[in-house]
Amino acid sequence: METIKISGFVVLFSGVAVLLFTFFNAYLFLLGALEIPVSTNLIAAFGEALAPLIQMCIRAVYLGIMGWIGSILTRRGVQIITVEKEETKPKDKKAKTEAQAEKEQPKEQAEAQG
């Protein structure tokens, strides 16, 4: 059971690391924001702005996917840790109820025979 808990923490911390890396990249991306040129010729301005806009869209999609993966890893790590704790509790209760049922069976059998 200890290895399950360790693997849960590994997945949790790797997810948090991916999220921190994503936020750091987003911060660096915002520091280097590109300016869109303004001119009277709309076609020339659109042509000059198209490449930086495509580059920003690609970076935004990259950051979105990295954040999504990091959140999935973090959620799975937390689920692994909490499920391991929940599985140990019902087993103890189940064992207690089974032991009580075994104690009551001889009494019921003795009453039925008697």
PDB file of N, CA and C in Angstrom:
ATOM      1  N   MET A   1       0.806  -1.195   0.000  1.00  0.00           N
ATOM      2  CA  MET A   1       0.000   0.000   0.000  1.00  0.00           C
ATOM      3  C   MET A   1       0.854   1.267   0.000  1.00  0.00           C
ATOM      4  N   GLU A   2       2.025   1.175   0.567  1.00  0.00           N
ATOM      5  CA  GLU A   2       2.904   2.347   0.635  1.00  0.00           C
ATOM      6  C   GLU A   2       3.350   2.777  -0.762  1.00  0.00           C
ATOM      7  N   THR A   3       3.547   1.826  -1.680  1.00  0.00           N
ATOM      8  CA  THR A   3       3.981   2.182  -3.036  1.00  0.00           C
ATOM      9  C   THR A   3       2.890   2.931  -3.777  1.00  0.00           C
ATOM     10  N   ILE A   4       1.621   2.625  -3.496  1.00  0.00           N
ATOM     11  CA  ILE A   4       0.524   3.349  -4.132  1.00  0.00           C
ATOM     12  C   ILE A   4       0.535   4.806  -3.672  1.00  0.00           C
ATOM     13  N   LYS A   5       0.753   5.008  -2.402  1.00  0.00           N
ATOM     14  CA  LYS A   5       0.797   6.368  -1.862  1.00  0.00           C
ATOM     15  C   LYS A   5       1.976   7.144  -2.441  1.00  0.00           C
ATOM     16  N   ILE A   6       3.114   6.492  -2.560  1.00  0.00           N
ATOM     17  CA  ILE A   6       4.300   7.142  -3.136  1.00  0.00           C
ATOM     18  C   ILE A   6       4.046   7.509  -4.593  1.00  0.00           C
ATOM     19  N   SER A   7       3.446   6.587  -5.354  1.00  0.00           N
ATOM     20  CA  SER A   7       3.158   6.888  -6.760  1.00  0.00           C
ATOM     21  C   SER A   7       2.145   8.019  -6.875  1.00  0.00           C
ATOM     22  N   GLY A   8       1.195   8.090  -5.938  1.00  0.00           N
ATOM     23  CA  GLY A   8       0.249   9.205  -5.935  1.00  0.00           C
ATOM     24  C   GLY A   8       0.937  10.535  -5.722  1.00  0.00           C
ATOM     25  N   PHE A   9       1.873  10.570  -4.777  1.00  0.00           N
ATOM     26  CA  PHE A   9       2.617  11.808  -4.543  1.00  0.00           C
ATOM     27  C   PHE A   9       3.502  12.174  -5.734  1.00  0.00           C
ATOM     28  N   VAL A  10       4.083  11.172  -6.400  1.00  0.00           N
ATOM     29  CA  VAL A  10       4.912  11.444  -7.576  1.00  0.00           C
ATOM     30  C   VAL A  10       4.069  12.066  -8.676  1.00  0.00           C
ATOM     31  N   VAL A  11       2.888  11.497  -8.925  1.00  0.00           N
ATOM     32  CA  VAL A  11       2.000  12.042  -9.955  1.00  0.00           C
ATOM     33  C   VAL A  11       1.533  13.437  -9.555  1.00  0.00           C
ATOM     34  N   LEU A  12       1.193  13.634  -8.295  1.00  0.00           N
ATOM     35  CA  LEU A  12       0.752  14.942  -7.817  1.00  0.00           C
ATOM     36  C   LEU A  12       1.833  15.997  -8.017  1.00  0.00           C
ATOM     37  N   PHE A  13       3.050  15.703  -7.591  1.00  0.00           N
ATOM     38  CA  PHE A  13       4.117  16.698  -7.703  1.00  0.00           C
ATOM     39  C   PHE A  13       4.548  16.923  -9.149  1.00  0.00           C
ATOM     40  N   SER A  14       4.466  15.901  -9.996  1.00  0.00           N
ATOM     41  CA  SER A  14       4.782  16.124 -11.412  1.00  0.00           C
ATOM     42  C   SER A  14       3.719  17.006 -12.052  1.00  0.00           C
ATOM     43  N   GLY A  15       2.455  16.841 -11.663  1.00  0.00           N
ATOM     44  CA  GLY A  15       1.402  17.712 -12.181  1.00  0.00           C
ATOM     45  C   GLY A  15       1.584  19.149 -11.740  1.00  0.00           C
ATOM     46  N   VAL A  16       1.947  19.336 -10.483  1.00  0.00           N
ATOM     47  CA  VAL A  16       2.197  20.690  -9.979  1.00  0.00           C
ATOM     48  C   VAL A  16       3.404  21.303 -10.687  1.00  0.00           C
ATOM     49  N   ALA A  17       4.432  20.493 -10.951  1.00  0.00           N
ATOM     50  CA  ALA A  17       5.618  20.998 -11.662  1.00  0.00           C
ATOM     51  C   ALA A  17       5.252  21.435 -13.083  1.00  0.00           C
ATOM     52  N   VAL A  18       4.419  20.657 -13.758  1.00  0.00           N
ATOM     53  CA  VAL A  18       3.993  21.026 -15.112  1.00  0.00           C
ATOM     54  C   VAL A  18       3.177  22.318 -15.070  1.00  0.00           C
ATOM     55  N   LEU A  19       2.309  22.463 -14.063  1.00  0.00           N
ATOM     56  CA  LEU A  19       1.534  23.702 -13.947  1.00  0.00           C
ATOM     57  C   LEU A  19       2.432  24.905 -13.668  1.00  0.00           C
ATOM     58  N   LEU A  20       3.415  24.738 -12.792  1.00  0.00           N
ATOM     59  CA  LEU A  20       4.343  25.839 -12.517  1.00  0.00           C
ATOM     60  C   LEU A  20       5.144  26.212 -13.765  1.00  0.00           C
ATOM     61  N   PHE A  21       5.589  25.210 -14.512  1.00  0.00           N
ATOM     62  CA  PHE A  21       6.314  25.458 -15.759  1.00  0.00           C
ATOM     63  C   PHE A  21       5.430  26.206 -16.754  1.00  0.00           C
ATOM     64  N   THR A  22       4.154  25.826 -16.823  1.00  0.00           N
ATOM     65  CA  THR A  22       3.231  26.486 -17.744  1.00  0.00           C
ATOM     66  C   THR A  22       3.014  27.940 -17.355  1.00  0.00           C
ATOM     67  N   PHE A  23       2.805  28.196 -16.059  1.00  0.00           N
ATOM     68  CA  PHE A  23       2.598  29.574 -15.632  1.00  0.00           C
ATOM     69  C   PHE A  23       3.859  30.414 -15.828  1.00  0.00           C
ATOM     70  N   PHE A  24       5.019  29.823 -15.627  1.00  0.00           N
ATOM     71  CA  PHE A  24       6.273  30.542 -15.866  1.00  0.00           C
ATOM     72  C   PHE A  24       6.416  30.893 -17.347  1.00  0.00           C
ATOM     73  N   ASN A  25       6.084  29.939 -18.224  1.00  0.00           N
ATOM     74  CA  ASN A  25       6.141  30.216 -19.664  1.00  0.00           C
ATOM     75  C   ASN A  25       5.132  31.287 -20.061  1.00  0.00           C
ATOM     76  N   ALA A  26       3.952  31.260 -19.472  1.00  0.00           N
ATOM     77  CA  ALA A  26       2.949  32.280 -19.777  1.00  0.00           C
ATOM     78  C   ALA A  26       3.432  33.657 -19.337  1.00  0.00           C
ATOM     79  N   TYR A  27       4.088  33.710 -18.193  1.00  0.00           N
ATOM     80  CA  TYR A  27       4.625  34.987 -17.709  1.00  0.00           C
ATOM     81  C   TYR A  27       5.697  35.513 -18.657  1.00  0.00           C
ATOM     82  N   LEU A  28       6.600  34.629 -19.083  1.00  0.00           N
ATOM     83  CA  LEU A  28       7.633  35.056 -20.035  1.00  0.00           C
ATOM     84  C   LEU A  28       7.018  35.474 -21.365  1.00  0.00           C
ATOM     85  N   PHE A  29       5.962  34.789 -21.763  1.00  0.00           N
ATOM     86  CA  PHE A  29       5.286  35.131 -23.009  1.00  0.00           C
ATOM     87  C   PHE A  29       4.647  36.516 -22.917  1.00  0.00           C
ATOM     88  N   LEU A  30       4.073  36.839 -21.765  1.00  0.00           N
ATOM     89  CA  LEU A  30       3.448  38.149 -21.604  1.00  0.00           C
ATOM     90  C   LEU A  30       4.479  39.274 -21.524  1.00  0.00           C
ATOM     91  N   LEU A  31       5.665  38.973 -21.022  1.00  0.00           N
ATOM     92  CA  LEU A  31       6.710  40.004 -20.965  1.00  0.00           C
ATOM     93  C   LEU A  31       7.171  40.408 -22.359  1.00  0.00           C
ATOM     94  N   GLY A  32       7.158  39.497 -23.279  1.00  0.00           N
ATOM     95  CA  GLY A  32       7.615  39.779 -24.639  1.00  0.00           C
ATOM     96  C   GLY A  32       6.471  39.985 -25.608  1.00  0.00           C
ATOM     97  N   ALA A  33       5.390  40.654 -25.178  1.00  0.00           N
ATOM     98  CA  ALA A  33       4.223  40.870 -26.044  1.00  0.00           C
ATOM     99  C   ALA A  33       4.634  41.699 -27.265  1.00  0.00           C
ATOM    100  N   LEU A  34       4.168  41.265 -28.403  1.00  0.00           N
ATOM    101  CA  LEU A  34       4.489  41.934 -29.666  1.00  0.00           C
ATOM    102  C   LEU A  34       3.487  43.044 -29.962  1.00  0.00           C
ATOM    103  N   GLU A  35       3.966  44.094 -30.600  1.00  0.00           N
ATOM    104  CA  GLU A  35       3.096  45.196 -30.993  1.00  0.00           C
ATOM    105  C   GLU A  35       2.587  44.956 -32.404  1.00  0.00           C
ATOM    106  N   ILE A  36       1.365  45.350 -32.630  1.00  0.00           N
ATOM    107  CA  ILE A  36       0.779  45.210 -33.967  1.00  0.00           C
ATOM    108  C   ILE A  36       0.977  46.542 -34.696  1.00  0.00           C
ATOM    109  N   PRO A  37       1.602  46.488 -35.871  1.00  0.00           N
ATOM    110  CA  PRO A  37       1.851  47.739 -36.607  1.00  0.00           C
ATOM    111  C   PRO A  37       0.546  48.332 -37.152  1.00  0.00           C
ATOM    112  N   VAL A  38       0.487  49.660 -37.166  1.00  0.00           N
ATOM    113  CA  VAL A  38      -0.687  50.369 -37.679  1.00  0.00           C
ATOM    114  C   VAL A  38      -0.252  51.158 -38.911  1.00  0.00           C
ATOM    115  N   SER A  39      -1.005  50.971 -40.002  1.00  0.00           N
ATOM    116  CA  SER A  39      -0.711  51.737 -41.216  1.00  0.00           C
ATOM    117  C   SER A  39      -2.018  52.057 -41.921  1.00  0.00           C
ATOM    118  N   THR A  40      -1.921  52.915 -42.912  1.00  0.00           N
ATOM    119  CA  THR A  40      -3.120  53.301 -43.653  1.00  0.00           C
ATOM    120  C   THR A  40      -3.525  52.208 -44.637  1.00  0.00           C
ATOM    121  N   ASN A  41      -2.572  51.431 -45.109  1.00  0.00           N
ATOM    122  CA  ASN A  41      -2.875  50.338 -46.029  1.00  0.00           C
ATOM    123  C   ASN A  41      -3.291  49.114 -45.201  1.00  0.00           C
ATOM    124  N   LEU A  42      -4.571  48.784 -45.226  1.00  0.00           N
ATOM    125  CA  LEU A  42      -5.117  47.707 -44.408  1.00  0.00           C
ATOM    126  C   LEU A  42      -4.559  46.351 -44.809  1.00  0.00           C
ATOM    127  N   ILE A  43      -4.362  46.114 -46.081  1.00  0.00           N
ATOM    128  CA  ILE A  43      -3.858  44.821 -46.546  1.00  0.00           C
ATOM    129  C   ILE A  43      -2.409  44.624 -46.082  1.00  0.00           C
ATOM    130  N   ALA A  44      -1.601  45.657 -46.163  1.00  0.00           N
ATOM    131  CA  ALA A  44      -0.210  45.556 -45.718  1.00  0.00           C
ATOM    132  C   ALA A  44      -0.150  45.352 -44.197  1.00  0.00           C
ATOM    133  N   ALA A  45      -0.992  46.054 -43.465  1.00  0.00           N
ATOM    134  CA  ALA A  45      -1.005  45.913 -42.005  1.00  0.00           C
ATOM    135  C   ALA A  45      -1.465  44.509 -41.602  1.00  0.00           C
ATOM    136  N   PHE A  46      -2.471  43.992 -42.313  1.00  0.00           N
ATOM    137  CA  PHE A  46      -2.942  42.637 -42.017  1.00  0.00           C
ATOM    138  C   PHE A  46      -1.862  41.609 -42.318  1.00  0.00           C
ATOM    139  N   GLY A  47      -1.143  41.798 -43.416  1.00  0.00           N
ATOM    140  CA  GLY A  47      -0.058  40.882 -43.767  1.00  0.00           C
ATOM    141  C   GLY A  47       1.075  40.926 -42.762  1.00  0.00           C
ATOM    142  N   GLU A  48       1.405  42.111 -42.259  1.00  0.00           N
ATOM    143  CA  GLU A  48       2.474  42.235 -41.278  1.00  0.00           C
ATOM    144  C   GLU A  48       2.054  41.694 -39.906  1.00  0.00           C
ATOM    145  N   ALA A  49       0.774  41.781 -39.575  1.00  0.00           N
ATOM    146  CA  ALA A  49       0.297  41.347 -38.261  1.00  0.00           C
ATOM    147  C   ALA A  49      -0.078  39.869 -38.233  1.00  0.00           C
ATOM    148  N   LEU A  50      -0.237  39.265 -39.401  1.00  0.00           N
ATOM    149  CA  LEU A  50      -0.713  37.886 -39.435  1.00  0.00           C
ATOM    150  C   LEU A  50       0.294  36.908 -38.835  1.00  0.00           C
ATOM    151  N   ALA A  51       1.552  37.051 -39.160  1.00  0.00           N
ATOM    152  CA  ALA A  51       2.571  36.132 -38.638  1.00  0.00           C
ATOM    153  C   ALA A  51       2.684  36.203 -37.117  1.00  0.00           C
ATOM    154  N   PRO A  52       2.761  37.388 -36.519  1.00  0.00           N
ATOM    155  CA  PRO A  52       2.804  37.429 -35.053  1.00  0.00           C
ATOM    156  C   PRO A  52       1.513  36.903 -34.409  1.00  0.00           C
ATOM    157  N   LEU A  53       0.358  37.142 -35.037  1.00  0.00           N
ATOM    158  CA  LEU A  53      -0.890  36.642 -34.476  1.00  0.00           C
ATOM    159  C   LEU A  53      -0.938  35.111 -34.504  1.00  0.00           C
ATOM    160  N   ILE A  54      -0.467  34.532 -35.587  1.00  0.00           N
ATOM    161  CA  ILE A  54      -0.417  33.070 -35.672  1.00  0.00           C
ATOM    162  C   ILE A  54       0.543  32.525 -34.623  1.00  0.00           C
ATOM    163  N   GLN A  55       1.675  33.187 -34.467  1.00  0.00           N
ATOM    164  CA  GLN A  55       2.644  32.755 -33.458  1.00  0.00           C
ATOM    165  C   GLN A  55       2.040  32.842 -32.052  1.00  0.00           C
ATOM    166  N   MET A  56       1.310  33.891 -31.753  1.00  0.00           N
ATOM    167  CA  MET A  56       0.668  34.025 -30.437  1.00  0.00           C
ATOM    168  C   MET A  56      -0.405  32.961 -30.245  1.00  0.00           C
ATOM    169  N   CYS A  57      -1.150  32.649 -31.292  1.00  0.00           N
ATOM    170  CA  CYS A  57      -2.185  31.610 -31.178  1.00  0.00           C
ATOM    171  C   CYS A  57      -1.549  30.250 -30.892  1.00  0.00           C
ATOM    172  N   ILE A  58      -0.447  29.958 -31.561  1.00  0.00           N
ATOM    173  CA  ILE A  58       0.242  28.691 -31.323  1.00  0.00           C
ATOM    174  C   ILE A  58       0.750  28.625 -29.894  1.00  0.00           C
ATOM    175  N   ARG A  59       1.311  29.716 -29.396  1.00  0.00           N
ATOM    176  CA  ARG A  59       1.782  29.735 -28.011  1.00  0.00           C
ATOM    177  C   ARG A  59       0.628  29.594 -27.029  1.00  0.00           C
ATOM    178  N   ALA A  60      -0.505  30.254 -27.307  1.00  0.00           N
ATOM    179  CA  ALA A  60      -1.661  30.147 -26.415  1.00  0.00           C
ATOM    180  C   ALA A  60      -2.196  28.716 -26.376  1.00  0.00           C
ATOM    181  N   VAL A  61      -2.243  28.056 -27.532  1.00  0.00           N
ATOM    182  CA  VAL A  61      -2.688  26.663 -27.568  1.00  0.00           C
ATOM    183  C   VAL A  61      -1.696  25.782 -26.810  1.00  0.00           C
ATOM    184  N   TYR A  62      -0.410  26.035 -26.995  1.00  0.00           N
ATOM    185  CA  TYR A  62       0.618  25.285 -26.268  1.00  0.00           C
ATOM    186  C   TYR A  62       0.452  25.446 -24.767  1.00  0.00           C
ATOM    187  N   LEU A  63       0.254  26.678 -24.296  1.00  0.00           N
ATOM    188  CA  LEU A  63       0.089  26.919 -22.869  1.00  0.00           C
ATOM    189  C   LEU A  63      -1.212  26.291 -22.352  1.00  0.00           C
ATOM    190  N   GLY A  64      -2.253  26.332 -23.156  1.00  0.00           N
ATOM    191  CA  GLY A  64      -3.512  25.715 -22.763  1.00  0.00           C
ATOM    192  C   GLY A  64      -3.389  24.212 -22.599  1.00  0.00           C
ATOM    193  N   ILE A  65      -2.710  23.565 -23.540  1.00  0.00           N
ATOM    194  CA  ILE A  65      -2.526  22.113 -23.458  1.00  0.00           C
ATOM    195  C   ILE A  65      -1.630  21.750 -22.280  1.00  0.00           C
ATOM    196  N   MET A  66      -0.573  22.520 -22.054  1.00  0.00           N
ATOM    197  CA  MET A  66       0.301  22.242 -20.909  1.00  0.00           C
ATOM    198  C   MET A  66      -0.454  22.412 -19.587  1.00  0.00           C
ATOM    199  N   GLY A  67      -1.275  23.439 -19.481  1.00  0.00           N
ATOM    200  CA  GLY A  67      -2.070  23.627 -18.276  1.00  0.00           C
ATOM    201  C   GLY A  67      -3.084  22.513 -18.085  1.00  0.00           C
ATOM    202  N   TRP A  68      -3.674  22.056 -19.171  1.00  0.00           N
ATOM    203  CA  TRP A  68      -4.644  20.963 -19.112  1.00  0.00           C
ATOM    204  C   TRP A  68      -3.976  19.674 -18.627  1.00  0.00           C
ATOM    205  N   ILE A  69      -2.814  19.358 -19.193  1.00  0.00           N
ATOM    206  CA  ILE A  69      -2.083  18.151 -18.785  1.00  0.00           C
ATOM    207  C   ILE A  69      -1.659  18.257 -17.321  1.00  0.00           C
ATOM    208  N   GLY A  70      -1.171  19.417 -16.921  1.00  0.00           N
ATOM    209  CA  GLY A  70      -0.767  19.598 -15.526  1.00  0.00           C
ATOM    210  C   GLY A  70      -1.929  19.446 -14.561  1.00  0.00           C
ATOM    211  N   SER A  71      -3.090  19.977 -14.937  1.00  0.00           N
ATOM    212  CA  SER A  71      -4.250  19.839 -14.046  1.00  0.00           C
ATOM    213  C   SER A  71      -4.734  18.398 -13.982  1.00  0.00           C
ATOM    214  N   ILE A  72      -4.662  17.669 -15.093  1.00  0.00           N
ATOM    215  CA  ILE A  72      -5.058  16.252 -15.081  1.00  0.00           C
ATOM    216  C   ILE A  72      -4.114  15.449 -14.187  1.00  0.00           C
ATOM    217  N   LEU A  73      -2.819  15.689 -14.320  1.00  0.00           N
ATOM    218  CA  LEU A  73      -1.858  14.969 -13.478  1.00  0.00           C
ATOM    219  C   LEU A  73      -2.068  15.280 -11.998  1.00  0.00           C
ATOM    220  N   THR A  74      -2.308  16.538 -11.691  1.00  0.00           N
ATOM    221  CA  THR A  74      -2.536  16.922 -10.304  1.00  0.00           C
ATOM    222  C   THR A  74      -3.805  16.268  -9.758  1.00  0.00           C
ATOM    223  N   ARG A  75      -4.868  16.278 -10.556  1.00  0.00           N
ATOM    224  CA  ARG A  75      -6.122  15.668 -10.114  1.00  0.00           C
ATOM    225  C   ARG A  75      -5.964  14.168  -9.897  1.00  0.00           C
ATOM    226  N   ARG A  76      -5.268  13.492 -10.804  1.00  0.00           N
ATOM    227  CA  ARG A  76      -5.059  12.046 -10.658  1.00  0.00           C
ATOM    228  C   ARG A  76      -4.208  11.726  -9.429  1.00  0.00           C
ATOM    229  N   GLY A  77      -3.199  12.550  -9.172  1.00  0.00           N
ATOM    230  CA  GLY A  77      -2.370  12.333  -7.986  1.00  0.00           C
ATOM    231  C   GLY A  77      -3.175  12.449  -6.709  1.00  0.00           C
ATOM    232  N   VAL A  78      -4.037  13.461  -6.643  1.00  0.00           N
ATOM    233  CA  VAL A  78      -4.882  13.629  -5.465  1.00  0.00           C
ATOM    234  C   VAL A  78      -5.856  12.464  -5.344  1.00  0.00           C
ATOM    235  N   GLN A  79      -6.415  12.007  -6.466  1.00  0.00           N
ATOM    236  CA  GLN A  79      -7.335  10.868  -6.424  1.00  0.00           C
ATOM    237  C   GLN A  79      -6.642   9.605  -5.942  1.00  0.00           C
ATOM    238  N   ILE A  80      -5.427   9.373  -6.393  1.00  0.00           N
ATOM    239  CA  ILE A  80      -4.694   8.181  -5.964  1.00  0.00           C
ATOM    240  C   ILE A  80      -4.450   8.221  -4.461  1.00  0.00           C
ATOM    241  N   ILE A  81      -4.068   9.376  -3.960  1.00  0.00           N
ATOM    242  CA  ILE A  81      -3.782   9.502  -2.530  1.00  0.00           C
ATOM    243  C   ILE A  81      -5.056   9.337  -1.705  1.00  0.00           C
ATOM    244  N   THR A  82      -6.148   9.987  -2.122  1.00  0.00           N
ATOM    245  CA  THR A  82      -7.382   9.919  -1.335  1.00  0.00           C
ATOM    246  C   THR A  82      -8.076   8.575  -1.459  1.00  0.00           C
ATOM    247  N   VAL A  83      -8.012   7.919  -2.607  1.00  0.00           N
ATOM    248  CA  VAL A  83      -8.639   6.610  -2.766  1.00  0.00           C
ATOM    249  C   VAL A  83      -7.930   5.592  -1.896  1.00  0.00           C
ATOM    250  N   GLU A  84      -6.619   5.690  -1.786  1.00  0.00           N
ATOM    251  CA  GLU A  84      -5.859   4.760  -0.947  1.00  0.00           C
ATOM    252  C   GLU A  84      -6.309   4.903   0.500  1.00  0.00           C
ATOM    253  N   LYS A  85      -6.562   6.108   0.950  1.00  0.00           N
ATOM    254  CA  LYS A  85      -7.010   6.327   2.324  1.00  0.00           C
ATOM    255  C   LYS A  85      -8.427   5.801   2.507  1.00  0.00           C
ATOM    256  N   GLU A  86      -9.300   6.019   1.515  1.00  0.00           N
ATOM    257  CA  GLU A  86     -10.682   5.565   1.613  1.00  0.00           C
ATOM    258  C   GLU A  86     -10.780   4.052   1.576  1.00  0.00           C
ATOM    259  N   GLU A  87      -9.896   3.387   0.852  1.00  0.00           N
ATOM    260  CA  GLU A  87      -9.940   1.932   0.760  1.00  0.00           C
ATOM    261  C   GLU A  87      -9.561   1.271   2.078  1.00  0.00           C
ATOM    262  N   THR A  88      -8.685   1.874   2.839  1.00  0.00           N
ATOM    263  CA  THR A  88      -8.275   1.265   4.104  1.00  0.00           C
ATOM    264  C   THR A  88      -9.363   1.395   5.159  1.00  0.00           C
ATOM    265  N   LYS A  89     -10.130   2.458   5.148  1.00  0.00           N
ATOM    266  CA  LYS A  89     -11.170   2.652   6.153  1.00  0.00           C
ATOM    267  C   LYS A  89     -12.320   1.650   6.017  1.00  0.00           C
ATOM    268  N   PRO A  90     -12.919   1.467   4.833  1.00  0.00           N
ATOM    269  CA  PRO A  90     -14.018   0.510   4.738  1.00  0.00           C
ATOM    270  C   PRO A  90     -13.594  -0.929   5.002  1.00  0.00           C
ATOM    271  N   LYS A  91     -12.369  -1.283   4.717  1.00  0.00           N
ATOM    272  CA  LYS A  91     -11.920  -2.642   4.987  1.00  0.00           C
ATOM    273  C   LYS A  91     -11.967  -2.928   6.481  1.00  0.00           C
ATOM    274  N   ASP A  92     -11.567  -1.948   7.283  1.00  0.00           N
ATOM    275  CA  ASP A  92     -11.611  -2.122   8.728  1.00  0.00           C
ATOM    276  C   ASP A  92     -13.058  -2.270   9.206  1.00  0.00           C
ATOM    277  N   LYS A  93     -13.946  -1.443   8.679  1.00  0.00           N
ATOM    278  CA  LYS A  93     -15.344  -1.526   9.062  1.00  0.00           C
ATOM    279  C   LYS A  93     -15.951  -2.843   8.588  1.00  0.00           C
ATOM    280  N   LYS A  94     -15.583  -3.249   7.367  1.00  0.00           N
ATOM    281  CA  LYS A  94     -16.101  -4.496   6.816  1.00  0.00           C
ATOM    282  C   LYS A  94     -15.620  -5.683   7.651  1.00  0.00           C
ATOM    283  N   ALA A  95     -14.380  -5.646   8.066  1.00  0.00           N
ATOM    284  CA  ALA A  95     -13.840  -6.729   8.892  1.00  0.00           C
ATOM    285  C   ALA A  95     -14.564  -6.776  10.238  1.00  0.00           C
ATOM    286  N   LYS A  96     -14.887  -5.619  10.801  1.00  0.00           N
ATOM    287  CA  LYS A  96     -15.602  -5.577  12.076  1.00  0.00           C
ATOM    288  C   LYS A  96     -17.016  -6.137  11.920  1.00  0.00           C
ATOM    289  N   THR A  97     -17.691  -5.778  10.843  1.00  0.00           N
ATOM    290  CA  THR A  97     -19.056  -6.271  10.648  1.00  0.00           C
ATOM    291  C   THR A  97     -19.057  -7.761  10.366  1.00  0.00           C
ATOM    292  N   GLU A  98     -18.050  -8.252   9.648  1.00  0.00           N
ATOM    293  CA  GLU A  98     -17.950  -9.692   9.399  1.00  0.00           C
ATOM    294  C   GLU A  98     -17.678 -10.445  10.699  1.00  0.00           C
ATOM    295  N   ALA A  99     -16.836  -9.894  11.549  1.00  0.00           N
ATOM    296  CA  ALA A  99     -16.543 -10.536  12.828  1.00  0.00           C
ATOM    297  C   ALA A  99     -17.788 -10.560  13.711  1.00  0.00           C
ATOM    298  N   GLN A 100     -18.559  -9.480  13.690  1.00  0.00           N
ATOM    299  CA  GLN A 100     -19.790  -9.441  14.463  1.00  0.00           C
ATOM    300  C   GLN A 100     -20.795 -10.451  13.915  1.00  0.00           C
ATOM    301  N   ALA A 101     -20.872 -10.578  12.599  1.00  0.00           N
ATOM    302  CA  ALA A 101     -21.796 -11.536  11.983  1.00  0.00           C
ATOM    303  C   ALA A 101     -21.400 -12.968  12.341  1.00  0.00           C
ATOM    304  N   GLU A 102     -20.112 -13.250  12.388  1.00  0.00           N
ATOM    305  CA  GLU A 102     -19.651 -14.590  12.754  1.00  0.00           C
ATOM    306  C   GLU A 102     -19.982 -14.899  14.217  1.00  0.00           C
ATOM    307  N   LYS A 103     -19.905 -13.896  15.083  1.00  0.00           N
ATOM    308  CA  LYS A 103     -20.245 -14.091  16.491  1.00  0.00           C
ATOM    309  C   LYS A 103     -21.744 -14.350  16.661  1.00  0.00           C
ATOM    310  N   GLU A 104     -22.551 -13.681  15.840  1.00  0.00           N
ATOM    311  CA  GLU A 104     -23.992 -13.816  15.965  1.00  0.00           C
ATOM    312  C   GLU A 104     -24.496 -15.123  15.355  1.00  0.00           C
ATOM    313  N   GLN A 105     -23.814 -15.682  14.365  1.00  0.00           N
ATOM    314  CA  GLN A 105     -24.251 -16.911  13.716  1.00  0.00           C
ATOM    315  C   GLN A 105     -24.322 -18.092  14.690  1.00  0.00           C
ATOM    316  N   PRO A 106     -23.313 -18.332  15.517  1.00  0.00           N
ATOM    317  CA  PRO A 106     -23.439 -19.448  16.461  1.00  0.00           C
ATOM    318  C   PRO A 106     -24.617 -19.281  17.426  1.00  0.00           C
ATOM    319  N   LYS A 107     -24.880 -18.047  17.841  1.00  0.00           N
ATOM    320  CA  LYS A 107     -26.018 -17.802  18.717  1.00  0.00           C
ATOM    321  C   LYS A 107     -27.332 -18.149  18.012  1.00  0.00           C
ATOM    322  N   GLU A 108     -27.458 -17.745  16.742  1.00  0.00           N
ATOM    323  CA  GLU A 108     -28.681 -18.006  15.979  1.00  0.00           C
ATOM    324  C   GLU A 108     -28.843 -19.496  15.727  1.00  0.00           C
ATOM    325  N   GLN A 109     -27.735 -20.178  15.447  1.00  0.00           N
ATOM    326  CA  GLN A 109     -27.798 -21.609  15.212  1.00  0.00           C
ATOM    327  C   GLN A 109     -28.161 -22.358  16.481  1.00  0.00           C
ATOM    328  N   ALA A 110     -27.656 -21.919  17.615  1.00  0.00           N
ATOM    329  CA  ALA A 110     -27.974 -22.561  18.898  1.00  0.00           C
ATOM    330  C   ALA A 110     -29.451 -22.346  19.238  1.00  0.00           C
ATOM    331  N   GLU A 111     -29.979 -21.165  18.958  1.00  0.00           N
ATOM    332  CA  GLU A 111     -31.395 -20.897  19.228  1.00  0.00           C
ATOM    333  C   GLU A 111     -32.273 -21.733  18.304  1.00  0.00           C
ATOM    334  N   ALA A 112     -31.861 -21.899  17.034  1.00  0.00           N
ATOM    335  CA  ALA A 112     -32.643 -22.695  16.088  1.00  0.00           C
ATOM    336  C   ALA A 112     -32.645 -24.174  16.476  1.00  0.00           C
ATOM    337  N   GLN A 113     -31.531 -24.681  17.022  1.00  0.00           N
ATOM    338  CA  GLN A 113     -31.452 -26.083  17.418  1.00  0.00           C
ATOM    339  C   GLN A 113     -32.171 -26.327  18.733  1.00  0.00           C
ATOM    340  N   GLY A 114     -32.177 -25.333  19.588  1.00  0.00           N
ATOM    341  CA  GLY A 114     -32.689 -25.493  20.947  1.00  0.00           C
ATOM    342  C   GLY A 114     -34.139 -25.389  21.046  1.00  0.00           C
TER     343      GLY A 114
END
